[in-house]
Amino acid sequence: MRKIKYWLVLLALITPVIILSGCESVTQRADTQDTWNRIERRKRVIIGLDDSFVPMGFRQKNGKLVGYDVDLARAVFKQYGIKADFQPIDWSMKETELKNGTIDLLWNGYSINPSRRKKVAFSRPYLKNEQILVTKKASNILNFADMKGKSLGVQNGSTGLTALDERPKVLKDLIKNQKPVLYDTFPDAFIDLNANRIQGILMDQVYADYYIKHQKNSSSYRTYSSKELPVEYYAVGMRKGDKTLHQKINAGLGKLQKNGELRKINQKWFGTNSNYLGAD
């Protein structure tokens, strides 16, 4: 009996050490290993995305994956004879998926921010974005202050959620219970907004503009921005150890800018270059 207790105590002591050691090795590998040779050999790179994020990467009614980032990623890797494959993931677990090697890149309206810089390396930015409030006109909400006591929807793992927490006086302190309703995807949030279960959504301006424009009842929505929320920039997220992949993506974006392909992709999805940064 004493021997059994001894081994149980020993197991309880060493298990956390083993788990911690495993976590450290995964992080160390992600921060130091350059995987370009492996990607080049298999001629395939796996890109993680939320496949409901219009217009960056989303499913058409026939199930085909399309989008701005889909076109851009394929155009970059075509230069290297590598196929871009896209893997839908739980967006709240995106950095974990990347670190574990389930995917090679995050390329899906992925905004640069300080907390993410601690976890991943970013390519040069290629598109400007900001967080905006979306409401229905029928709610008579005319500004951020009118959200006082109202329910706000935010996507889990989004920069909107980060902005809400980092600048609580802008919106978080106003909303019902000072706590947003979290959604896995923005379409789910719009369902509740349309049903008046929530009265606003804090979300990417790039997504909101495209989504609303393509709704039959587009005139029923209002959008608001705030100078208190910073401008954001989309970039490609990768493991810190992937130095060669980082260089290849930046070089590829630069070549697409020079040959005019980047401008064509931008005009295809936005019809304007107002948010376009290019790649110098």
C-alpha atoms as a PDB file:
ATOM      1  CA  MET A   1       0.000   0.000   0.000  1.00  0.00           C
ATOM      2  CA  ARG A   2       2.865   2.325   0.869  1.00  0.00           C
ATOM      3  CA  LYS A   3       4.539   1.552  -2.452  1.00  0.00           C
ATOM      4  CA  ILE A   4       1.358   2.459  -4.319  1.00  0.00           C
ATOM      5  CA  LYS A   5       1.104   5.751  -2.462  1.00  0.00           C
ATOM      6  CA  TYR A   6       4.793   6.426  -3.170  1.00  0.00           C
ATOM      7  CA  TRP A   7       4.342   5.946  -6.908  1.00  0.00           C
ATOM      8  CA  LEU A   8       1.167   8.024  -6.955  1.00  0.00           C
ATOM      9  CA  VAL A   9       2.928  10.906  -5.216  1.00  0.00           C
ATOM     10  CA  LEU A  10       5.914  10.603  -7.532  1.00  0.00           C
ATOM     11  CA  LEU A  11       3.642  10.582 -10.586  1.00  0.00           C
ATOM     12  CA  ALA A  12       1.833  13.689  -9.335  1.00  0.00           C
ATOM     13  CA  LEU A  13       5.165  15.458  -8.937  1.00  0.00           C
ATOM     14  CA  ILE A  14       6.723  14.575 -12.288  1.00  0.00           C
ATOM     15  CA  THR A  15       3.643  14.908 -14.545  1.00  0.00           C
ATOM     16  CA  PRO A  16       3.598  18.747 -14.465  1.00  0.00           C
ATOM     17  CA  VAL A  17       7.343  18.748 -15.192  1.00  0.00           C
ATOM     18  CA  ILE A  18       6.850  16.506 -18.236  1.00  0.00           C
ATOM     19  CA  ILE A  19       3.962  18.647 -19.510  1.00  0.00           C
ATOM     20  CA  LEU A  20       5.930  21.867 -18.979  1.00  0.00           C
ATOM     21  CA  SER A  21       8.957  20.385 -20.709  1.00  0.00           C
ATOM     22  CA  GLY A  22       6.776  19.407 -23.666  1.00  0.00           C
ATOM     23  CA  CYS A  23       5.301  22.897 -23.923  1.00  0.00           C
ATOM     24  CA  GLU A  24       8.760  24.442 -23.781  1.00  0.00           C
ATOM     25  CA  SER A  25      10.059  22.153 -26.539  1.00  0.00           C
ATOM     26  CA  VAL A  26       7.120  23.041 -28.818  1.00  0.00           C
ATOM     27  CA  THR A  27       7.650  26.754 -28.225  1.00  0.00           C
ATOM     28  CA  GLN A  28      11.411  26.439 -28.673  1.00  0.00           C
ATOM     29  CA  ARG A  29      10.956  24.554 -31.928  1.00  0.00           C
ATOM     30  CA  ALA A  30       8.491  27.163 -33.224  1.00  0.00           C
ATOM     31  CA  ASP A  31      10.894  29.975 -32.334  1.00  0.00           C
ATOM     32  CA  THR A  32      14.030  28.407 -33.803  1.00  0.00           C
ATOM     33  CA  GLN A  33      13.187  25.895 -36.557  1.00  0.00           C
ATOM     34  CA  ASP A  34      13.233  27.073 -40.172  1.00  0.00           C
ATOM     35  CA  THR A  35      10.761  24.875 -42.101  1.00  0.00           C
ATOM     36  CA  TRP A  36      11.234  26.266 -45.606  1.00  0.00           C
ATOM     37  CA  ASN A  37      13.104  23.203 -46.916  1.00  0.00           C
ATOM     38  CA  ARG A  38      10.261  20.944 -45.769  1.00  0.00           C
ATOM     39  CA  ILE A  39       7.651  23.208 -47.393  1.00  0.00           C
ATOM     40  CA  GLU A  40       9.692  23.336 -50.595  1.00  0.00           C
ATOM     41  CA  ARG A  41      10.087  19.545 -50.719  1.00  0.00           C
ATOM     42  CA  ARG A  42       6.394  18.833 -50.310  1.00  0.00           C
ATOM     43  CA  LYS A  43       5.524  21.806 -52.561  1.00  0.00           C
ATOM     44  CA  ARG A  44       2.664  22.726 -50.264  1.00  0.00           C
ATOM     45  CA  VAL A  45       2.120  25.306 -47.539  1.00  0.00           C
ATOM     46  CA  ILE A  46      -0.805  25.020 -45.114  1.00  0.00           C
ATOM     47  CA  ILE A  47      -2.594  28.261 -44.232  1.00  0.00           C
ATOM     48  CA  GLY A  48      -4.970  28.519 -41.278  1.00  0.00           C
ATOM     49  CA  LEU A  49      -8.105  30.630 -41.622  1.00  0.00           C
ATOM     50  CA  ASP A  50     -11.628  31.347 -40.446  1.00  0.00           C
ATOM     51  CA  ASP A  51     -13.456  30.403 -43.650  1.00  0.00           C
ATOM     52  CA  SER A  52     -16.396  32.712 -42.919  1.00  0.00           C
ATOM     53  CA  PHE A  53     -14.293  35.901 -42.919  1.00  0.00           C
ATOM     54  CA  VAL A  54     -15.493  37.939 -45.916  1.00  0.00           C
ATOM     55  CA  PRO A  55     -13.905  39.129 -48.098  1.00  0.00           C
ATOM     56  CA  MET A  56     -10.541  37.728 -46.958  1.00  0.00           C
ATOM     57  CA  GLY A  57     -11.358  33.990 -47.027  1.00  0.00           C
ATOM     58  CA  PHE A  58     -14.868  32.518 -47.168  1.00  0.00           C
ATOM     59  CA  ARG A  59     -17.055  29.819 -48.699  1.00  0.00           C
ATOM     60  CA  GLN A  60     -19.360  30.519 -51.598  1.00  0.00           C
ATOM     61  CA  LYS A  61     -22.753  28.808 -51.685  1.00  0.00           C
ATOM     62  CA  ASN A  62     -21.221  25.947 -53.684  1.00  0.00           C
ATOM     63  CA  GLY A  63     -18.581  25.449 -50.985  1.00  0.00           C
ATOM     64  CA  LYS A  64     -15.678  26.894 -52.989  1.00  0.00           C
ATOM     65  CA  LEU A  65     -13.154  28.831 -50.925  1.00  0.00           C
ATOM     66  CA  VAL A  66     -12.505  32.327 -52.283  1.00  0.00           C
ATOM     67  CA  GLY A  67     -11.312  35.688 -51.012  1.00  0.00           C
ATOM     68  CA  TYR A  68      -8.754  38.454 -51.096  1.00  0.00           C
ATOM     69  CA  ASP A  69      -6.241  36.623 -48.919  1.00  0.00           C
ATOM     70  CA  VAL A  70      -6.856  33.365 -50.786  1.00  0.00           C
ATOM     71  CA  ASP A  71      -5.945  35.045 -54.092  1.00  0.00           C
ATOM     72  CA  LEU A  72      -2.994  36.848 -52.553  1.00  0.00           C
ATOM     73  CA  ALA A  73      -1.501  33.775 -50.884  1.00  0.00           C
ATOM     74  CA  ARG A  74      -1.857  31.677 -54.035  1.00  0.00           C
ATOM     75  CA  ALA A  75      -0.221  34.408 -56.122  1.00  0.00           C
ATOM     76  CA  VAL A  76       2.736  34.672 -53.717  1.00  0.00           C
ATOM     77  CA  PHE A  77       3.432  30.938 -53.549  1.00  0.00           C
ATOM     78  CA  LYS A  78       2.872  30.385 -57.259  1.00  0.00           C
ATOM     79  CA  GLN A  79       6.142  32.264 -57.732  1.00  0.00           C
ATOM     80  CA  TYR A  80       7.921  29.455 -55.852  1.00  0.00           C
ATOM     81  CA  GLY A  81       6.050  26.540 -57.408  1.00  0.00           C
ATOM     82  CA  ILE A  82       4.274  25.861 -54.108  1.00  0.00           C
ATOM     83  CA  LYS A  83       0.558  25.173 -53.663  1.00  0.00           C
ATOM     84  CA  ALA A  84      -1.291  27.128 -50.983  1.00  0.00           C
ATOM     85  CA  ASP A  85      -3.673  24.833 -49.080  1.00  0.00           C
ATOM     86  CA  PHE A  86      -6.163  26.330 -46.638  1.00  0.00           C
ATOM     87  CA  GLN A  87      -7.157  24.759 -43.336  1.00  0.00           C
ATOM     88  CA  PRO A  88     -10.208  26.075 -41.415  1.00  0.00           C
ATOM     89  CA  ILE A  89      -9.359  26.446 -37.724  1.00  0.00           C
ATOM     90  CA  ASP A  90     -10.884  27.641 -34.467  1.00  0.00           C
ATOM     91  CA  TRP A  91      -9.796  31.293 -34.645  1.00  0.00           C
ATOM     92  CA  SER A  92      -9.498  31.553 -30.868  1.00  0.00           C
ATOM     93  CA  MET A  93      -6.795  28.821 -31.039  1.00  0.00           C
ATOM     94  CA  LYS A  94      -4.942  30.161 -34.083  1.00  0.00           C
ATOM     95  CA  GLU A  95      -1.540  30.838 -32.488  1.00  0.00           C
ATOM     96  CA  THR A  96      -1.604  27.436 -30.778  1.00  0.00           C
ATOM     97  CA  GLU A  97      -2.327  25.715 -34.104  1.00  0.00           C
ATOM     98  CA  LEU A  98       0.587  27.609 -35.660  1.00  0.00           C
ATOM     99  CA  LYS A  99       3.010  26.811 -32.832  1.00  0.00           C
ATOM    100  CA  ASN A 100       2.062  23.118 -32.858  1.00  0.00           C
ATOM    101  CA  GLY A 101       2.769  22.865 -36.588  1.00  0.00           C
ATOM    102  CA  THR A 102      -0.793  21.976 -37.602  1.00  0.00           C
ATOM    103  CA  ILE A 103      -0.578  24.928 -40.001  1.00  0.00           C
ATOM    104  CA  ASP A 104       2.329  26.908 -41.450  1.00  0.00           C
ATOM    105  CA  LEU A 105       0.788  30.370 -41.644  1.00  0.00           C
ATOM    106  CA  LEU A 106      -2.054  32.599 -40.479  1.00  0.00           C
ATOM    107  CA  TRP A 107      -3.244  34.561 -43.515  1.00  0.00           C
ATOM    108  CA  ASN A 108      -6.826  35.693 -43.028  1.00  0.00           C
ATOM    109  CA  GLY A 109      -7.330  39.342 -42.111  1.00  0.00           C
ATOM    110  CA  TYR A 110      -4.796  38.851 -39.307  1.00  0.00           C
ATOM    111  CA  SER A 111      -4.110  42.196 -37.612  1.00  0.00           C
ATOM    112  CA  ILE A 112      -0.764  43.148 -36.116  1.00  0.00           C
ATOM    113  CA  ASN A 113      -0.877  44.009 -32.412  1.00  0.00           C
ATOM    114  CA  PRO A 114       1.608  43.915 -29.496  1.00  0.00           C
ATOM    115  CA  SER A 115       0.177  40.803 -27.829  1.00  0.00           C
ATOM    116  CA  ARG A 116       0.372  38.825 -31.076  1.00  0.00           C
ATOM    117  CA  ARG A 117       3.938  40.009 -31.749  1.00  0.00           C
ATOM    118  CA  LYS A 118       4.965  38.121 -28.622  1.00  0.00           C
ATOM    119  CA  LYS A 119       3.712  34.883 -30.158  1.00  0.00           C
ATOM    120  CA  VAL A 120       4.334  35.160 -33.912  1.00  0.00           C
ATOM    121  CA  ALA A 121       6.445  36.889 -36.552  1.00  0.00           C
ATOM    122  CA  PHE A 122       4.622  39.161 -39.015  1.00  0.00           C
ATOM    123  CA  SER A 123       5.236  39.841 -42.669  1.00  0.00           C
ATOM    124  CA  ARG A 124       5.141  43.416 -43.887  1.00  0.00           C
ATOM    125  CA  PRO A 125       1.595  44.821 -43.686  1.00  0.00           C
ATOM    126  CA  TYR A 126      -0.489  44.826 -46.857  1.00  0.00           C
ATOM    127  CA  LEU A 127      -3.920  46.230 -45.892  1.00  0.00           C
ATOM    128  CA  LYS A 128      -5.258  48.859 -43.492  1.00  0.00           C
ATOM    129  CA  ASN A 129      -8.194  48.145 -41.191  1.00  0.00           C
ATOM    130  CA  GLU A 130      -9.967  49.485 -38.101  1.00  0.00           C
ATOM    131  CA  GLN A 131     -12.504  48.274 -35.562  1.00  0.00           C
ATOM    132  CA  ILE A 132     -15.990  49.720 -36.029  1.00  0.00           C
ATOM    133  CA  LEU A 133     -19.378  49.409 -34.346  1.00  0.00           C
ATOM    134  CA  VAL A 134     -22.203  47.934 -36.437  1.00  0.00           C
ATOM    135  CA  THR A 135     -25.824  48.456 -35.381  1.00  0.00           C
ATOM    136  CA  LYS A 136     -29.309  48.312 -36.890  1.00  0.00           C
ATOM    137  CA  LYS A 137     -30.953  51.647 -37.703  1.00  0.00           C
ATOM    138  CA  ALA A 138     -34.120  50.498 -35.949  1.00  0.00           C
ATOM    139  CA  SER A 139     -32.248  50.441 -32.631  1.00  0.00           C
ATOM    140  CA  ASN A 140     -31.734  54.234 -32.784  1.00  0.00           C
ATOM    141  CA  ILE A 141     -28.120  53.862 -31.679  1.00  0.00           C
ATOM    142  CA  LEU A 142     -26.299  56.869 -33.137  1.00  0.00           C
ATOM    143  CA  ASN A 143     -22.876  56.605 -31.481  1.00  0.00           C
ATOM    144  CA  PHE A 144     -20.775  54.537 -29.085  1.00  0.00           C
ATOM    145  CA  ALA A 145     -22.332  56.232 -26.027  1.00  0.00           C
ATOM    146  CA  ASP A 146     -25.778  54.982 -27.063  1.00  0.00           C
ATOM    147  CA  MET A 147     -24.584  51.412 -26.402  1.00  0.00           C
ATOM    148  CA  LYS A 148     -24.933  52.050 -22.663  1.00  0.00           C
ATOM    149  CA  GLY A 149     -26.723  49.074 -21.117  1.00  0.00           C
ATOM    150  CA  LYS A 150     -26.932  47.340 -24.520  1.00  0.00           C
ATOM    151  CA  SER A 151     -25.541  43.939 -25.549  1.00  0.00           C
ATOM    152  CA  LEU A 152     -22.428  43.901 -27.748  1.00  0.00           C
ATOM    153  CA  GLY A 153     -21.189  41.015 -29.871  1.00  0.00           C
ATOM    154  CA  VAL A 154     -17.488  40.328 -30.533  1.00  0.00           C
ATOM    155  CA  GLN A 155     -15.678  37.444 -32.208  1.00  0.00           C
ATOM    156  CA  ASN A 156     -13.665  35.309 -29.828  1.00  0.00           C
ATOM    157  CA  GLY A 157      -9.920  35.743 -30.428  1.00  0.00           C
ATOM    158  CA  SER A 158     -10.381  38.889 -32.542  1.00  0.00           C
ATOM    159  CA  THR A 159      -8.585  42.228 -32.313  1.00  0.00           C
ATOM    160  CA  GLY A 160     -11.995  43.707 -31.563  1.00  0.00           C
ATOM    161  CA  LEU A 161     -12.002  41.770 -28.297  1.00  0.00           C
ATOM    162  CA  THR A 162      -8.446  42.929 -27.586  1.00  0.00           C
ATOM    163  CA  ALA A 163      -9.376  46.567 -28.292  1.00  0.00           C
ATOM    164  CA  LEU A 164     -12.409  46.239 -26.035  1.00  0.00           C
ATOM    165  CA  ASP A 165     -10.247  45.025 -23.144  1.00  0.00           C
ATOM    166  CA  GLU A 166      -7.368  47.434 -23.714  1.00  0.00           C
ATOM    167  CA  ARG A 167      -9.587  50.527 -24.010  1.00  0.00           C
ATOM    168  CA  PRO A 168     -12.562  49.744 -21.740  1.00  0.00           C
ATOM    169  CA  LYS A 169     -13.713  53.382 -21.481  1.00  0.00           C
ATOM    170  CA  VAL A 170     -14.486  53.491 -25.224  1.00  0.00           C
ATOM    171  CA  LEU A 171     -17.163  50.785 -25.108  1.00  0.00           C
ATOM    172  CA  LYS A 172     -16.689  47.971 -22.579  1.00  0.00           C
ATOM    173  CA  ASP A 173     -17.607  50.082 -19.550  1.00  0.00           C
ATOM    174  CA  LEU A 174     -20.851  51.074 -21.290  1.00  0.00           C
ATOM    175  CA  ILE A 175     -22.263  47.749 -22.405  1.00  0.00           C
ATOM    176  CA  LYS A 176     -24.536  45.417 -20.467  1.00  0.00           C
ATOM    177  CA  ASN A 177     -22.677  43.820 -17.536  1.00  0.00           C
ATOM    178  CA  GLN A 178     -19.447  45.302 -18.961  1.00  0.00           C
ATOM    179  CA  LYS A 179     -19.045  42.019 -20.806  1.00  0.00           C
ATOM    180  CA  PRO A 180     -19.494  41.257 -24.532  1.00  0.00           C
ATOM    181  CA  VAL A 181     -21.304  38.287 -26.039  1.00  0.00           C
ATOM    182  CA  LEU A 182     -18.630  36.135 -27.705  1.00  0.00           C
ATOM    183  CA  TYR A 183     -19.117  34.441 -31.087  1.00  0.00           C
ATOM    184  CA  ASP A 184     -17.056  31.930 -33.038  1.00  0.00           C
ATOM    185  CA  THR A 185     -17.877  33.702 -36.312  1.00  0.00           C
ATOM    186  CA  PHE A 186     -19.269  37.064 -37.376  1.00  0.00           C
ATOM    187  CA  PRO A 187     -22.205  35.530 -39.319  1.00  0.00           C
ATOM    188  CA  ASP A 188     -23.423  34.113 -35.993  1.00  0.00           C
ATOM    189  CA  ALA A 189     -23.173  37.598 -34.478  1.00  0.00           C
ATOM    190  CA  PHE A 190     -25.165  39.106 -37.374  1.00  0.00           C
ATOM    191  CA  ILE A 191     -27.924  36.535 -36.845  1.00  0.00           C
ATOM    192  CA  ASP A 192     -28.319  37.760 -33.266  1.00  0.00           C
ATOM    193  CA  LEU A 193     -28.016  41.409 -34.293  1.00  0.00           C
ATOM    194  CA  ASN A 194     -30.811  40.995 -36.832  1.00  0.00           C
ATOM    195  CA  ALA A 195     -32.950  39.283 -34.174  1.00  0.00           C
ATOM    196  CA  ASN A 196     -32.188  42.093 -31.671  1.00  0.00           C
ATOM    197  CA  ARG A 197     -30.625  39.633 -29.233  1.00  0.00           C
ATOM    198  CA  ILE A 198     -27.617  41.952 -29.326  1.00  0.00           C
ATOM    199  CA  GLN A 199     -27.652  45.620 -30.332  1.00  0.00           C
ATOM    200  CA  GLY A 200     -24.160  46.042 -31.744  1.00  0.00           C
ATOM    201  CA  ILE A 201     -21.080  44.247 -33.086  1.00  0.00           C
ATOM    202  CA  LEU A 202     -17.500  45.468 -32.725  1.00  0.00           C
ATOM    203  CA  MET A 203     -15.692  44.147 -35.781  1.00  0.00           C
ATOM    204  CA  ASP A 204     -13.249  44.696 -38.644  1.00  0.00           C
ATOM    205  CA  GLN A 205     -14.236  47.519 -40.970  1.00  0.00           C
ATOM    206  CA  VAL A 206     -13.021  45.475 -43.972  1.00  0.00           C
ATOM    207  CA  TYR A 207     -15.411  42.646 -43.074  1.00  0.00           C
ATOM    208  CA  ALA A 208     -18.336  44.905 -42.154  1.00  0.00           C
ATOM    209  CA  ASP A 209     -18.200  46.979 -45.354  1.00  0.00           C
ATOM    210  CA  TYR A 210     -18.144  43.920 -47.605  1.00  0.00           C
ATOM    211  CA  TYR A 211     -20.743  41.919 -45.658  1.00  0.00           C
ATOM    212  CA  ILE A 212     -23.272  44.753 -45.388  1.00  0.00           C
ATOM    213  CA  LYS A 213     -22.847  45.732 -49.030  1.00  0.00           C
ATOM    214  CA  HIS A 214     -23.865  42.228 -50.086  1.00  0.00           C
ATOM    215  CA  GLN A 215     -27.005  41.998 -47.905  1.00  0.00           C
ATOM    216  CA  LYS A 216     -30.476  42.566 -49.373  1.00  0.00           C
ATOM    217  CA  ASN A 217     -31.302  44.817 -46.415  1.00  0.00           C
ATOM    218  CA  SER A 218     -27.958  46.680 -46.453  1.00  0.00           C
ATOM    219  CA  SER A 219     -29.665  50.034 -45.806  1.00  0.00           C
ATOM    220  CA  SER A 220     -30.896  48.759 -42.420  1.00  0.00           C
ATOM    221  CA  TYR A 221     -27.404  48.921 -40.875  1.00  0.00           C
ATOM    222  CA  ARG A 222     -25.317  51.736 -39.441  1.00  0.00           C
ATOM    223  CA  THR A 223     -21.563  51.750 -38.823  1.00  0.00           C
ATOM    224  CA  TYR A 224     -19.493  53.967 -36.529  1.00  0.00           C
ATOM    225  CA  SER A 225     -15.777  54.426 -35.990  1.00  0.00           C
ATOM    226  CA  SER A 226     -13.963  55.961 -33.038  1.00  0.00           C
ATOM    227  CA  LYS A 227     -10.744  57.979 -32.920  1.00  0.00           C
ATOM    228  CA  GLU A 228     -10.101  56.241 -29.604  1.00  0.00           C
ATOM    229  CA  LEU A 229      -9.558  52.915 -31.392  1.00  0.00           C
ATOM    230  CA  PRO A 230      -6.246  52.638 -33.294  1.00  0.00           C
ATOM    231  CA  VAL A 231      -5.815  51.929 -36.986  1.00  0.00           C
ATOM    232  CA  GLU A 232      -4.793  48.316 -37.627  1.00  0.00           C
ATOM    233  CA  TYR A 233      -2.794  46.612 -40.364  1.00  0.00           C
ATOM    234  CA  TYR A 234      -3.249  43.144 -41.799  1.00  0.00           C
ATOM    235  CA  ALA A 235      -0.166  40.966 -42.252  1.00  0.00           C
ATOM    236  CA  VAL A 236       0.797  37.298 -42.532  1.00  0.00           C
ATOM    237  CA  GLY A 237       1.536  35.538 -39.231  1.00  0.00           C
ATOM    238  CA  MET A 238       4.195  32.819 -39.004  1.00  0.00           C
ATOM    239  CA  ARG A 239       6.421  31.028 -36.506  1.00  0.00           C
ATOM    240  CA  LYS A 240       9.397  33.105 -35.367  1.00  0.00           C
ATOM    241  CA  GLY A 241      11.808  30.411 -36.502  1.00  0.00           C
ATOM    242  CA  ASP A 242      10.628  30.585 -40.126  1.00  0.00           C
ATOM    243  CA  LYS A 243      13.146  33.209 -41.276  1.00  0.00           C
ATOM    244  CA  THR A 244      13.291  31.944 -44.869  1.00  0.00           C
ATOM    245  CA  LEU A 245       9.501  31.749 -45.187  1.00  0.00           C
ATOM    246  CA  HIS A 246       9.315  35.306 -43.860  1.00  0.00           C
ATOM    247  CA  GLN A 247      11.763  36.518 -46.503  1.00  0.00           C
ATOM    248  CA  LYS A 248      10.000  34.604 -49.297  1.00  0.00           C
ATOM    249  CA  ILE A 249       6.579  36.077 -48.440  1.00  0.00           C
ATOM    250  CA  ASN A 250       7.892  39.644 -48.262  1.00  0.00           C
ATOM    251  CA  ALA A 251       9.787  39.218 -51.527  1.00  0.00           C
ATOM    252  CA  GLY A 252       6.724  37.664 -53.158  1.00  0.00           C
ATOM    253  CA  LEU A 253       4.488  40.556 -52.103  1.00  0.00           C
ATOM    254  CA  GLY A 254       7.066  42.982 -53.443  1.00  0.00           C
ATOM    255  CA  LYS A 255       7.157  41.255 -56.818  1.00  0.00           C
ATOM    256  CA  LEU A 256       3.354  41.254 -57.053  1.00  0.00           C
ATOM    257  CA  GLN A 257       3.357  44.986 -56.432  1.00  0.00           C
ATOM    258  CA  LYS A 258       5.937  45.628 -59.132  1.00  0.00           C
ATOM    259  CA  ASN A 259       4.195  43.535 -61.799  1.00  0.00           C
ATOM    260  CA  GLY A 260       0.746  45.000 -61.020  1.00  0.00           C
ATOM    261  CA  GLU A 261      -0.839  41.745 -59.794  1.00  0.00           C
ATOM    262  CA  LEU A 262      -1.308  43.047 -56.262  1.00  0.00           C
ATOM    263  CA  ARG A 263      -3.241  46.041 -57.539  1.00  0.00           C
ATOM    264  CA  LYS A 264      -5.481  43.779 -59.623  1.00  0.00           C
ATOM    265  CA  ILE A 265      -6.308  41.592 -56.633  1.00  0.00           C
ATOM    266  CA  ASN A 266      -7.077  44.654 -54.553  1.00  0.00           C
ATOM    267  CA  GLN A 267      -9.370  46.126 -57.211  1.00  0.00           C
ATOM    268  CA  LYS A 268     -11.118  42.770 -57.693  1.00  0.00           C
ATOM    269  CA  TRP A 269     -12.220  42.626 -54.061  1.00  0.00           C
ATOM    270  CA  PHE A 270     -12.459  46.266 -53.020  1.00  0.00           C
ATOM    271  CA  GLY A 271     -12.741  48.235 -56.255  1.00  0.00           C
ATOM    272  CA  THR A 272     -10.482  50.870 -54.727  1.00  0.00           C
ATOM    273  CA  ASN A 273      -6.985  51.270 -53.355  1.00  0.00           C
ATOM    274  CA  SER A 274      -8.028  53.279 -50.289  1.00  0.00           C
ATOM    275  CA  ASN A 275      -6.942  50.562 -47.827  1.00  0.00           C
ATOM    276  CA  TYR A 276      -4.118  49.226 -49.949  1.00  0.00           C
ATOM    277  CA  LEU A 277      -0.594  49.582 -48.585  1.00  0.00           C
ATOM    278  CA  GLY A 278       1.406  47.742 -51.203  1.00  0.00           C
ATOM    279  CA  ALA A 279       4.766  46.189 -50.420  1.00  0.00           C
ATOM    280  CA  ASP A 280       7.882  48.266 -50.808  1.00  0.00           C
END
